[in-house]
PDB file of N, CA and C in Angstrom:
ATOM      1  N   MET A   1     -13.015  12.538   6.875  1.00  0.00           N
ATOM      2  CA  MET A   1     -12.069  12.550   7.412  1.00  0.00           C
ATOM      3  C   MET A   1     -10.896  11.244   6.986  1.00  0.00           C
ATOM      4  N   ALA A   2     -11.366  10.579   6.694  1.00  0.00           N
ATOM      5  CA  ALA A   2     -10.323   9.576   5.987  1.00  0.00           C
ATOM      6  C   ALA A   2      -9.696   9.976   4.277  1.00  0.00           C
ATOM      7  N   ALA A   3     -11.013  10.777   3.855  1.00  0.00           N
ATOM      8  CA  ALA A   3     -10.206  11.675   2.472  1.00  0.00           C
ATOM      9  C   ALA A   3      -9.098  12.710   2.636  1.00  0.00           C
ATOM     10  N   GLN A   4      -9.512  13.516   3.742  1.00  0.00           N
ATOM     11  CA  GLN A   4      -8.842  14.531   3.989  1.00  0.00           C
ATOM     12  C   GLN A   4      -7.394  13.746   4.739  1.00  0.00           C
ATOM     13  N   LEU A   5      -7.170  13.008   4.988  1.00  0.00           N
ATOM     14  CA  LEU A   5      -5.978  12.588   5.727  1.00  0.00           C
ATOM     15  C   LEU A   5      -5.562  11.943   4.311  1.00  0.00           C
ATOM     16  N   PHE A   6      -6.328  11.298   3.352  1.00  0.00           N
ATOM     17  CA  PHE A   6      -5.641  10.863   1.874  1.00  0.00           C
ATOM     18  C   PHE A   6      -4.802  11.754   1.321  1.00  0.00           C
ATOM     19  N   SER A   7      -5.510  12.978   0.876  1.00  0.00           N
ATOM     20  CA  SER A   7      -4.972  14.367   0.689  1.00  0.00           C
ATOM     21  C   SER A   7      -3.697  14.635   0.978  1.00  0.00           C
ATOM     22  N   GLU A   8      -3.641  14.743   2.450  1.00  0.00           N
ATOM     23  CA  GLU A   8      -2.485  14.598   3.504  1.00  0.00           C
ATOM     24  C   GLU A   8      -1.302  13.877   2.655  1.00  0.00           C
ATOM     25  N   LEU A   9      -2.077  12.526   2.650  1.00  0.00           N
ATOM     26  CA  LEU A   9      -0.700  11.236   2.644  1.00  0.00           C
ATOM     27  C   LEU A   9      -0.299  11.771   1.123  1.00  0.00           C
ATOM     28  N   GLU A  10      -0.967  12.177   0.053  1.00  0.00           N
ATOM     29  CA  GLU A  10      -0.546  12.185  -1.218  1.00  0.00           C
ATOM     30  C   GLU A  10       0.286  13.495  -0.933  1.00  0.00           C
ATOM     31  N   GLN A  11       0.258  14.321  -0.709  1.00  0.00           N
ATOM     32  CA  GLN A  11       1.431  15.621  -0.342  1.00  0.00           C
ATOM     33  C   GLN A  11       2.917  15.436   0.573  1.00  0.00           C
ATOM     34  N   THR A  12       2.229  14.317   1.303  1.00  0.00           N
ATOM     35  CA  THR A  12       3.602  13.804   2.019  1.00  0.00           C
ATOM     36  C   THR A  12       4.464  12.861   1.541  1.00  0.00           C
ATOM     37  N   PHE A  13       3.890  11.659   0.508  1.00  0.00           N
ATOM     38  CA  PHE A  13       4.356  11.228  -0.616  1.00  0.00           C
ATOM     39  C   PHE A  13       5.485  12.100  -1.621  1.00  0.00           C
ATOM     40  N   ALA A  14       4.632  13.213  -1.745  1.00  0.00           N
ATOM     41  CA  ALA A  14       5.584  13.803  -3.146  1.00  0.00           C
ATOM     42  C   ALA A  14       6.567  14.466  -2.604  1.00  0.00           C
ATOM     43  N   ARG A  15       6.403  14.954  -0.916  1.00  0.00           N
ATOM     44  CA  ARG A  15       7.581  15.759  -0.075  1.00  0.00           C
ATOM     45  C   ARG A  15       8.514  14.781  -0.104  1.00  0.00           C
ATOM     46  N   LYS A  16       8.595  13.488  -0.375  1.00  0.00           N
ATOM     47  CA  LYS A  16       9.364  12.249   0.052  1.00  0.00           C
ATOM     48  C   LYS A  16       9.792  11.835   1.808  1.00  0.00           C
ATOM     49  N   ASP A  17       8.414  12.424   2.179  1.00  0.00           N
ATOM     50  CA  ASP A  17       8.582  12.392   3.787  1.00  0.00           C
ATOM     51  C   ASP A  17       7.954  10.953   4.121  1.00  0.00           C
ATOM     52  N   ASP A  18       9.120   9.905   3.623  1.00  0.00           N
ATOM     53  CA  ASP A  18       8.652   8.631   3.874  1.00  0.00           C
ATOM     54  C   ASP A  18       8.248   8.156   5.316  1.00  0.00           C
ATOM     55  N   ALA A  19       8.734   8.769   6.405  1.00  0.00           N
ATOM     56  CA  ALA A  19       8.369   8.647   7.762  1.00  0.00           C
ATOM     57  C   ALA A  19       7.107   8.542   7.923  1.00  0.00           C
ATOM     58  N   ALA A  20       6.915  10.212   7.256  1.00  0.00           N
ATOM     59  CA  ALA A  20       5.547  10.534   7.873  1.00  0.00           C
ATOM     60  C   ALA A  20       4.518   9.982   7.239  1.00  0.00           C
ATOM     61  N   VAL A  21       4.834   9.511   5.842  1.00  0.00           N
ATOM     62  CA  VAL A  21       4.120   8.586   5.389  1.00  0.00           C
ATOM     63  C   VAL A  21       3.457   7.498   5.888  1.00  0.00           C
ATOM     64  N   GLU A  22       3.939   6.730   6.518  1.00  0.00           N
ATOM     65  CA  GLU A  22       3.602   5.802   7.718  1.00  0.00           C
ATOM     66  C   GLU A  22       2.877   5.934   8.350  1.00  0.00           C
ATOM     67  N   ASP A  23       2.999   7.528   9.036  1.00  0.00           N
ATOM     68  CA  ASP A  23       1.985   7.809  10.252  1.00  0.00           C
ATOM     69  C   ASP A  23       0.812   7.955   9.569  1.00  0.00           C
ATOM     70  N   VAL A  24       0.794   8.720   8.207  1.00  0.00           N
ATOM     71  CA  VAL A  24      -0.430   8.607   7.796  1.00  0.00           C
ATOM     72  C   VAL A  24      -1.104   7.773   7.639  1.00  0.00           C
ATOM     73  N   VAL A  25      -0.439   6.975   7.011  1.00  0.00           N
ATOM     74  CA  VAL A  25      -0.811   5.982   6.395  1.00  0.00           C
ATOM     75  C   VAL A  25      -2.035   4.987   7.865  1.00  0.00           C
ATOM     76  N   THR A  26      -1.097   5.206   9.185  1.00  0.00           N
ATOM     77  CA  THR A  26      -1.717   4.534  10.260  1.00  0.00           C
ATOM     78  C   THR A  26      -2.967   5.351  10.549  1.00  0.00           C
ATOM     79  N   ARG A  27      -2.791   6.296  10.318  1.00  0.00           N
ATOM     80  CA  ARG A  27      -4.104   7.355  11.077  1.00  0.00           C
ATOM     81  C   ARG A  27      -5.247   7.369  10.016  1.00  0.00           C
ATOM     82  N   ILE A  28      -5.021   6.787   8.463  1.00  0.00           N
ATOM     83  CA  ILE A  28      -5.856   6.382   7.781  1.00  0.00           C
ATOM     84  C   ILE A  28      -6.560   5.330   8.142  1.00  0.00           C
ATOM     85  N   LYS A  29      -6.286   4.189   8.557  1.00  0.00           N
ATOM     86  CA  LYS A  29      -6.653   2.755   8.633  1.00  0.00           C
ATOM     87  C   LYS A  29      -7.699   3.138  10.327  1.00  0.00           C
ATOM     88  N   VAL A  30      -6.888   3.678  11.057  1.00  0.00           N
ATOM     89  CA  VAL A  30      -7.791   3.826  12.292  1.00  0.00           C
ATOM     90  C   VAL A  30      -8.755   4.704  11.768  1.00  0.00           C
ATOM     91  N   ALA A  31      -9.262   5.834  10.804  1.00  0.00           N
ATOM     92  CA  ALA A  31     -10.238   6.581  10.529  1.00  0.00           C
ATOM     93  C   ALA A  31     -11.124   5.639   9.269  1.00  0.00           C
ATOM     94  N   LEU A  32     -10.698   4.617   8.999  1.00  0.00           N
ATOM     95  CA  LEU A  32     -11.544   4.012   8.640  1.00  0.00           C
ATOM     96  C   LEU A  32     -12.123   3.165   9.128  1.00  0.00           C
ATOM     97  N   LEU A  33     -11.728   2.474  10.196  1.00  0.00           N
ATOM     98  CA  LEU A  33     -12.517   1.954  11.279  1.00  0.00           C
ATOM     99  C   LEU A  33     -14.147   2.253  11.593  1.00  0.00           C
ATOM    100  N   ASP A  34     -13.780   3.596  11.931  1.00  0.00           N
ATOM    101  CA  ASP A  34     -15.117   4.401  11.959  1.00  0.00           C
ATOM    102  C   ASP A  34     -16.344   4.583  10.738  1.00  0.00           C
ATOM    103  N   VAL A  35     -15.603   3.940   9.413  1.00  0.00           N
ATOM    104  CA  VAL A  35     -16.861   4.097   8.842  1.00  0.00           C
ATOM    105  C   VAL A  35     -17.522   2.641   8.184  1.00  0.00           C
ATOM    106  N   ASP A  36     -18.827   2.844   7.999  1.00  0.00           N
ATOM    107  CA  ASP A  36     -19.318   1.674   7.289  1.00  0.00           C
ATOM    108  C   ASP A  36     -18.582   1.006   5.833  1.00  0.00           C
ATOM    109  N   PRO A  37     -18.040  -0.187   6.145  1.00  0.00           N
ATOM    110  CA  PRO A  37     -17.309  -0.391   4.798  1.00  0.00           C
ATOM    111  C   PRO A  37     -18.520  -0.497   3.407  1.00  0.00           C
ATOM    112  N   ASP A  38     -17.396   0.082   2.598  1.00  0.00           N
ATOM    113  CA  ASP A  38     -18.056   0.221   0.906  1.00  0.00           C
ATOM    114  C   ASP A  38     -16.982   0.055   0.108  1.00  0.00           C
ATOM    115  N   ALA A  39     -17.562   0.392  -1.072  1.00  0.00           N
ATOM    116  CA  ALA A  39     -16.193   0.338  -2.332  1.00  0.00           C
ATOM    117  C   ALA A  39     -15.249   1.439  -2.023  1.00  0.00           C
ATOM    118  N   GLN A  40     -15.872   2.913  -1.780  1.00  0.00           N
ATOM    119  CA  GLN A  40     -15.261   4.020  -1.758  1.00  0.00           C
ATOM    120  C   GLN A  40     -13.980   3.593  -0.448  1.00  0.00           C
ATOM    121  N   SER A  41     -14.773   3.110   0.421  1.00  0.00           N
ATOM    122  CA  SER A  41     -13.427   2.966   1.973  1.00  0.00           C
ATOM    123  C   SER A  41     -12.669   1.904   1.419  1.00  0.00           C
ATOM    124  N   ALA A  42     -13.064   0.870   1.155  1.00  0.00           N
ATOM    125  CA  ALA A  42     -11.920  -0.164   0.274  1.00  0.00           C
ATOM    126  C   ALA A  42     -10.946   0.108  -0.940  1.00  0.00           C
ATOM    127  N   LEU A  43     -11.319   1.259  -1.598  1.00  0.00           N
ATOM    128  CA  LEU A  43     -10.354   1.982  -2.479  1.00  0.00           C
ATOM    129  C   LEU A  43      -9.359   2.751  -1.550  1.00  0.00           C
ATOM    130  N   LEU A  44     -10.092   3.596  -0.734  1.00  0.00           N
ATOM    131  CA  LEU A  44      -9.241   4.458   0.052  1.00  0.00           C
ATOM    132  C   LEU A  44      -8.359   3.884   0.576  1.00  0.00           C
ATOM    133  N   GLY A  45      -8.548   2.581   1.169  1.00  0.00           N
ATOM    134  CA  GLY A  45      -7.397   1.647   2.017  1.00  0.00           C
ATOM    135  C   GLY A  45      -6.563   0.999   0.753  1.00  0.00           C
ATOM    136  N   GLN A  46      -6.842   0.462   0.348  1.00  0.00           N
ATOM    137  CA  GLN A  46      -5.955   0.140  -0.983  1.00  0.00           C
ATOM    138  C   GLN A  46      -4.946   1.191  -1.501  1.00  0.00           C
ATOM    139  N   ARG A  47      -5.643   2.258  -1.638  1.00  0.00           N
ATOM    140  CA  ARG A  47      -4.760   3.245  -2.437  1.00  0.00           C
ATOM    141  C   ARG A  47      -3.575   3.982  -1.387  1.00  0.00           C
ATOM    142  N   SER A  48      -4.148   3.955   0.178  1.00  0.00           N
ATOM    143  CA  SER A  48      -3.380   4.154   1.007  1.00  0.00           C
ATOM    144  C   SER A  48      -1.872   3.457   1.395  1.00  0.00           C
ATOM    145  N   LEU A  49      -2.546   2.119   1.046  1.00  0.00           N
ATOM    146  CA  LEU A  49      -1.331   1.110   1.449  1.00  0.00           C
ATOM    147  C   LEU A  49      -0.388   1.187   0.078  1.00  0.00           C
ATOM    148  N   GLU A  50      -0.979   1.269  -0.866  1.00  0.00           N
ATOM    149  CA  GLU A  50       0.178   1.408  -2.189  1.00  0.00           C
ATOM    150  C   GLU A  50       1.288   2.580  -2.143  1.00  0.00           C
ATOM    151  N   TYR A  51       0.727   3.755  -1.359  1.00  0.00           N
ATOM    152  CA  TYR A  51       1.349   4.709  -1.058  1.00  0.00           C
ATOM    153  C   TYR A  51       2.453   4.510   0.083  1.00  0.00           C
ATOM    154  N   ALA A  52       1.936   3.399   0.685  1.00  0.00           N
ATOM    155  CA  ALA A  52       3.038   2.673   1.849  1.00  0.00           C
ATOM    156  C   ALA A  52       3.993   1.766   1.574  1.00  0.00           C
ATOM    157  N   VAL A  53       3.551   1.187   0.632  1.00  0.00           N
ATOM    158  CA  VAL A  53       4.431   0.087  -0.112  1.00  0.00           C
ATOM    159  C   VAL A  53       5.717   0.899  -0.708  1.00  0.00           C
ATOM    160  N   LEU A  54       5.068   1.805  -1.116  1.00  0.00           N
ATOM    161  CA  LEU A  54       6.052   2.639  -2.249  1.00  0.00           C
ATOM    162  C   LEU A  54       7.251   3.257  -1.445  1.00  0.00           C
ATOM    163  N   ALA A  55       6.720   3.904  -0.407  1.00  0.00           N
ATOM    164  CA  ALA A  55       7.647   5.311   0.564  1.00  0.00           C
ATOM    165  C   ALA A  55       8.309   3.546   1.372  1.00  0.00           C
ATOM    166  N   ALA A  56       8.048   2.613   2.041  1.00  0.00           N
ATOM    167  CA  ALA A  56       9.091   1.421   2.136  1.00  0.00           C
ATOM    168  C   ALA A  56       9.735   1.157   1.523  1.00  0.00           C
ATOM    169  N   ALA A  57       9.606   1.586   0.049  1.00  0.00           N
ATOM    170  CA  ALA A  57      10.514   0.519  -0.600  1.00  0.00           C
ATOM    171  C   ALA A  57      11.702   1.758  -0.705  1.00  0.00           C
ATOM    172  N   ARG A  58      11.272   2.625  -1.149  1.00  0.00           N
ATOM    173  CA  ARG A  58      12.245   3.994  -1.019  1.00  0.00           C
ATOM    174  C   ARG A  58      13.167   4.552  -0.265  1.00  0.00           C
ATOM    175  N   ARG A  59      12.311   3.866   1.022  1.00  0.00           N
ATOM    176  CA  ARG A  59      13.974   4.031   2.302  1.00  0.00           C
ATOM    177  C   ARG A  59      14.121   2.321   2.487  1.00  0.00           C
ATOM    178  N   SER A  60      13.984   1.672   1.534  1.00  0.00           N
ATOM    179  CA  SER A  60      14.526   0.223   1.632  1.00  0.00           C
ATOM    180  C   SER A  60      14.465  -0.367   2.816  1.00  0.00           C
ATOM    181  N   ASP A  61      13.053   0.144   3.617  1.00  0.00           N
ATOM    182  CA  ASP A  61      12.525  -0.761   4.719  1.00  0.00           C
ATOM    183  C   ASP A  61      11.539  -1.908   4.000  1.00  0.00           C
ATOM    184  N   LYS A  62      13.164  -3.238   4.210  1.00  0.00           N
ATOM    185  CA  LYS A  62      12.146  -4.387   3.880  1.00  0.00           C
ATOM    186  C   LYS A  62      10.909  -4.683   4.601  1.00  0.00           C
ATOM    187  N   SER A  63      10.913  -4.857   5.934  1.00  0.00           N
ATOM    188  CA  SER A  63       9.696  -5.415   6.917  1.00  0.00           C
ATOM    189  C   SER A  63       8.918  -4.477   6.576  1.00  0.00           C
ATOM    190  N   ALA A  64       8.723  -3.465   6.585  1.00  0.00           N
ATOM    191  CA  ALA A  64       7.254  -2.450   6.151  1.00  0.00           C
ATOM    192  C   ALA A  64       7.207  -2.926   4.758  1.00  0.00           C
ATOM    193  N   PHE A  65       7.840  -2.998   3.832  1.00  0.00           N
ATOM    194  CA  PHE A  65       7.697  -3.680   2.469  1.00  0.00           C
ATOM    195  C   PHE A  65       6.489  -4.803   2.473  1.00  0.00           C
ATOM    196  N   GLN A  66       7.437  -5.721   3.042  1.00  0.00           N
ATOM    197  CA  GLN A  66       6.469  -7.343   2.954  1.00  0.00           C
ATOM    198  C   GLN A  66       5.345  -6.866   3.733  1.00  0.00           C
ATOM    199  N   ARG A  67       5.332  -6.121   4.981  1.00  0.00           N
ATOM    200  CA  ARG A  67       3.984  -5.853   5.501  1.00  0.00           C
ATOM    201  C   ARG A  67       2.723  -5.741   4.968  1.00  0.00           C
ATOM    202  N   HIS A  68       3.165  -4.326   3.802  1.00  0.00           N
ATOM    203  CA  HIS A  68       2.325  -3.861   3.324  1.00  0.00           C
ATOM    204  C   HIS A  68       1.824  -4.344   2.018  1.00  0.00           C
ATOM    205  N   VAL A  69       2.811  -5.376   1.532  1.00  0.00           N
ATOM    206  CA  VAL A  69       2.114  -5.891   0.403  1.00  0.00           C
ATOM    207  C   VAL A  69       1.264  -6.756   0.719  1.00  0.00           C
ATOM    208  N   ALA A  70       1.224  -7.482   1.908  1.00  0.00           N
ATOM    209  CA  ALA A  70       0.768  -8.681   2.107  1.00  0.00           C
ATOM    210  C   ALA A  70      -0.551  -7.973   2.516  1.00  0.00           C
ATOM    211  N   GLN A  71      -0.962  -6.736   3.311  1.00  0.00           N
ATOM    212  CA  GLN A  71      -1.834  -6.156   3.547  1.00  0.00           C
ATOM    213  C   GLN A  71      -2.568  -5.860   2.059  1.00  0.00           C
ATOM    214  N   LEU A  72      -2.053  -5.544   0.767  1.00  0.00           N
ATOM    215  CA  LEU A  72      -2.652  -5.385  -0.214  1.00  0.00           C
ATOM    216  C   LEU A  72      -3.074  -6.832  -1.006  1.00  0.00           C
ATOM    217  N   LYS A  73      -2.498  -7.606  -0.912  1.00  0.00           N
ATOM    218  CA  LYS A  73      -2.474  -8.504  -1.790  1.00  0.00           C
ATOM    219  C   LYS A  73      -3.950  -8.714  -1.478  1.00  0.00           C
ATOM    220  N   ALA A  74      -4.698  -8.632  -0.082  1.00  0.00           N
ATOM    221  CA  ALA A  74      -6.010  -9.084   0.230  1.00  0.00           C
ATOM    222  C   ALA A  74      -7.158  -8.216  -0.689  1.00  0.00           C
ATOM    223  N   SER A  75      -6.530  -6.609  -1.403  1.00  0.00           N
ATOM    224  CA  SER A  75      -7.653  -5.929  -1.858  1.00  0.00           C
ATOM    225  C   SER A  75      -7.580  -6.136  -3.655  1.00  0.00           C
ATOM    226  N   TYR A  76      -6.173  -6.607  -3.437  1.00  0.00           N
ATOM    227  CA  TYR A  76      -5.888  -7.278  -5.240  1.00  0.00           C
ATOM    228  C   TYR A  76      -6.590  -8.878  -5.328  1.00  0.00           C
ATOM    229  N   SER A  77      -6.736  -9.544  -4.496  1.00  0.00           N
ATOM    230  CA  SER A  77      -7.838 -10.504  -4.915  1.00  0.00           C
ATOM    231  C   SER A  77      -8.971 -10.192  -5.425  1.00  0.00           C
ATOM    232  N   ASP A  78      -9.379  -8.742  -5.057  1.00  0.00           N
ATOM    233  CA  ASP A  78     -11.181  -8.543  -5.365  1.00  0.00           C
ATOM    234  C   ASP A  78     -11.089  -7.937  -6.594  1.00  0.00           C
ATOM    235  N   PRO A  79     -11.354  -8.367  -7.811  1.00  0.00           N
ATOM    236  CA  PRO A  79     -10.968  -7.799  -8.731  1.00  0.00           C
ATOM    237  C   PRO A  79     -11.798  -6.214  -9.069  1.00  0.00           C
ATOM    238  N   ALA A  80     -12.789  -6.205  -8.517  1.00  0.00           N
ATOM    239  CA  ALA A  80     -13.083  -4.999  -8.929  1.00  0.00           C
ATOM    240  C   ALA A  80     -12.064  -3.647  -8.266  1.00  0.00           C
ATOM    241  N   LEU A  81     -11.789  -4.227  -6.932  1.00  0.00           N
ATOM    242  CA  LEU A  81     -10.673  -3.383  -6.689  1.00  0.00           C
ATOM    243  C   LEU A  81      -9.279  -3.195  -7.056  1.00  0.00           C
ATOM    244  N   ALA A  82      -8.929  -4.378  -7.632  1.00  0.00           N
ATOM    245  CA  ALA A  82      -7.526  -4.659  -8.438  1.00  0.00           C
ATOM    246  C   ALA A  82      -7.661  -3.842  -9.927  1.00  0.00           C
ATOM    247  N   ASN A  83      -8.880  -4.014 -10.422  1.00  0.00           N
ATOM    248  CA  ASN A  83      -9.004  -3.213 -11.530  1.00  0.00           C
ATOM    249  C   ASN A  83      -8.911  -1.733 -11.500  1.00  0.00           C
ATOM    250  N   ARG A  84      -9.470  -1.064 -10.446  1.00  0.00           N
ATOM    251  CA  ARG A  84      -8.798   0.764 -10.369  1.00  0.00           C
ATOM    252  C   ARG A  84      -7.606   0.888  -9.845  1.00  0.00           C
ATOM    253  N   SER A  85      -6.784  -0.336  -9.816  1.00  0.00           N
ATOM    254  CA  SER A  85      -5.516   0.711  -8.841  1.00  0.00           C
ATOM    255  C   SER A  85      -4.779   0.913 -10.094  1.00  0.00           C
ATOM    256  N   GLU A  86      -3.841   2.140  -9.992  1.00  0.00           N
ATOM    257  CA  GLU A  86      -3.146   2.308 -11.209  1.00  0.00           C
ATOM    258  C   GLU A  86      -1.531   1.832 -10.796  1.00  0.00           C
ATOM    259  N   LYS A  87      -1.564   1.836  -9.582  1.00  0.00           N
ATOM    260  CA  LYS A  87      -0.179   1.142  -9.111  1.00  0.00           C
ATOM    261  C   LYS A  87       0.329  -0.293  -9.310  1.00  0.00           C
ATOM    262  N   ARG A  88      -0.875  -1.123  -9.248  1.00  0.00           N
ATOM    263  CA  ARG A  88      -0.778  -2.367  -8.918  1.00  0.00           C
ATOM    264  C   ARG A  88       0.043  -3.114  -9.680  1.00  0.00           C
ATOM    265  N   ARG A  89       0.219  -3.023 -10.868  1.00  0.00           N
ATOM    266  CA  ARG A  89       1.374  -3.632 -11.587  1.00  0.00           C
ATOM    267  C   ARG A  89       3.178  -3.447 -10.976  1.00  0.00           C
ATOM    268  N   THR A  90       3.120  -2.002 -10.825  1.00  0.00           N
ATOM    269  CA  THR A  90       4.420  -1.607 -10.099  1.00  0.00           C
ATOM    270  C   THR A  90       4.380  -1.950  -8.658  1.00  0.00           C
ATOM    271  N   ILE A  91       3.692  -2.196  -8.150  1.00  0.00           N
ATOM    272  CA  ILE A  91       3.930  -2.534  -6.891  1.00  0.00           C
ATOM    273  C   ILE A  91       4.015  -4.293  -6.983  1.00  0.00           C
ATOM    274  N   LEU A  92       3.209  -4.923  -7.654  1.00  0.00           N
ATOM    275  CA  LEU A  92       3.607  -6.385  -7.783  1.00  0.00           C
ATOM    276  C   LEU A  92       4.822  -6.861  -8.658  1.00  0.00           C
ATOM    277  N   GLY A  93       5.379  -5.939  -9.631  1.00  0.00           N
ATOM    278  CA  GLY A  93       6.744  -6.362  -9.799  1.00  0.00           C
ATOM    279  C   GLY A  93       7.843  -5.748  -9.092  1.00  0.00           C
ATOM    280  N   LEU A  94       7.419  -4.706  -8.156  1.00  0.00           N
ATOM    281  CA  LEU A  94       8.757  -4.606  -7.455  1.00  0.00           C
ATOM    282  C   LEU A  94       8.449  -5.804  -6.145  1.00  0.00           C
ATOM    283  N   HIS A  95       7.390  -6.431  -5.923  1.00  0.00           N
ATOM    284  CA  HIS A  95       7.740  -7.473  -5.044  1.00  0.00           C
ATOM    285  C   HIS A  95       7.982  -8.567  -5.462  1.00  0.00           C
ATOM    286  N   LEU A  96       8.054  -8.945  -6.892  1.00  0.00           N
ATOM    287  CA  LEU A  96       8.956  -9.941  -7.435  1.00  0.00           C
ATOM    288  C   LEU A  96      10.223 -10.167  -7.263  1.00  0.00           C
ATOM    289  N   LEU A  97      10.592  -8.637  -7.450  1.00  0.00           N
ATOM    290  CA  LEU A  97      11.907  -8.512  -7.732  1.00  0.00           C
ATOM    291  C   LEU A  97      12.477  -8.251  -6.062  1.00  0.00           C
ATOM    292  N   PHE A  98      11.796  -8.123  -5.335  1.00  0.00           N
ATOM    293  CA  PHE A  98      12.406  -8.420  -3.990  1.00  0.00           C
ATOM    294  C   PHE A  98      12.620  -9.583  -3.637  1.00  0.00           C
ATOM    295  N   LEU A  99      11.560 -10.667  -3.984  1.00  0.00           N
ATOM    296  CA  LEU A  99      11.897 -12.096  -3.703  1.00  0.00           C
ATOM    297  C   LEU A  99      12.655 -12.675  -4.487  1.00  0.00           C
ATOM    298  N   VAL A 100      13.202 -12.266  -5.725  1.00  0.00           N
ATOM    299  CA  VAL A 100      14.217 -12.984  -6.385  1.00  0.00           C
ATOM    300  C   VAL A 100      15.861 -12.360  -5.749  1.00  0.00           C
ATOM    301  N   THR A 101      15.655 -10.986  -5.330  1.00  0.00           N
ATOM    302  CA  THR A 101      16.563 -10.581  -4.682  1.00  0.00           C
ATOM    303  C   THR A 101      17.029 -11.258  -3.114  1.00  0.00           C
ATOM    304  N   GLU A 102      16.080 -11.160  -2.670  1.00  0.00           N
ATOM    305  CA  GLU A 102      16.031 -12.154  -1.288  1.00  0.00           C
ATOM    306  C   GLU A 102      16.342 -13.503  -1.272  1.00  0.00           C
ATOM    307  N   HIS A 103      16.354 -14.133  -2.797  1.00  0.00           N
ATOM    308  CA  HIS A 103      16.864 -15.535  -3.087  1.00  0.00           C
ATOM    309  C   HIS A 103      15.691 -16.260  -2.541  1.00  0.00           C
ATOM    310  N   ARG A 104      14.389 -15.818  -2.390  1.00  0.00           N
ATOM    311  CA  ARG A 104      12.765 -16.774  -1.673  1.00  0.00           C
ATOM    312  C   ARG A 104      12.490 -17.032  -3.619  1.00  0.00           C
ATOM    313  N   LEU A 105      12.990 -17.757  -4.102  1.00  0.00           N
ATOM    314  CA  LEU A 105      12.172 -18.187  -5.533  1.00  0.00           C
ATOM    315  C   LEU A 105      10.792 -18.842  -5.333  1.00  0.00           C
ATOM    316  N   PRO A 106      10.846 -20.104  -4.221  1.00  0.00           N
ATOM    317  CA  PRO A 106       9.288 -20.768  -4.195  1.00  0.00           C
ATOM    318  C   PRO A 106       8.336 -19.493  -4.894  1.00  0.00           C
ATOM    319  N   PRO A 107       8.103 -18.723  -4.022  1.00  0.00           N
ATOM    320  CA  PRO A 107       7.059 -17.776  -3.776  1.00  0.00           C
ATOM    321  C   PRO A 107       6.644 -16.888  -5.212  1.00  0.00           C
ATOM    322  N   VAL A 108       7.775 -16.951  -5.692  1.00  0.00           N
ATOM    323  CA  VAL A 108       7.815 -16.220  -6.860  1.00  0.00           C
ATOM    324  C   VAL A 108       6.890 -17.016  -8.116  1.00  0.00           C
ATOM    325  N   HIS A 109       6.727 -18.292  -7.806  1.00  0.00           N
ATOM    326  CA  HIS A 109       6.113 -19.179  -8.654  1.00  0.00           C
ATOM    327  C   HIS A 109       4.635 -19.599  -8.298  1.00  0.00           C
ATOM    328  N   SER A 110       4.362 -19.224  -6.908  1.00  0.00           N
ATOM    329  CA  SER A 110       3.081 -19.006  -6.544  1.00  0.00           C
ATOM    330  C   SER A 110       2.054 -18.076  -6.983  1.00  0.00           C
TER     331      SER A 110
END
């Protein structure tokens, strides 16, 4: 179920329907609650959140961007997951730029 939803998420993101991306990510989160936690489901959750971050940035939704980045940081702290991410550097770079533009310099140094 979650894998099918992820496929839908990729298509929705490619269509630039950013409001629908948020909805699909929420449905993926709910679907992942019903599966046994393993590396595959953790990776699926991470990749879903990455799409959510990028969609939030595209629509300039600061609160959604911050919320999704905060959720992603948990998976990025796991080296096995962080190393499998193709979007990690882009997202962390966007987050640093966000902090600088919001004049929140102390979090940049942590």
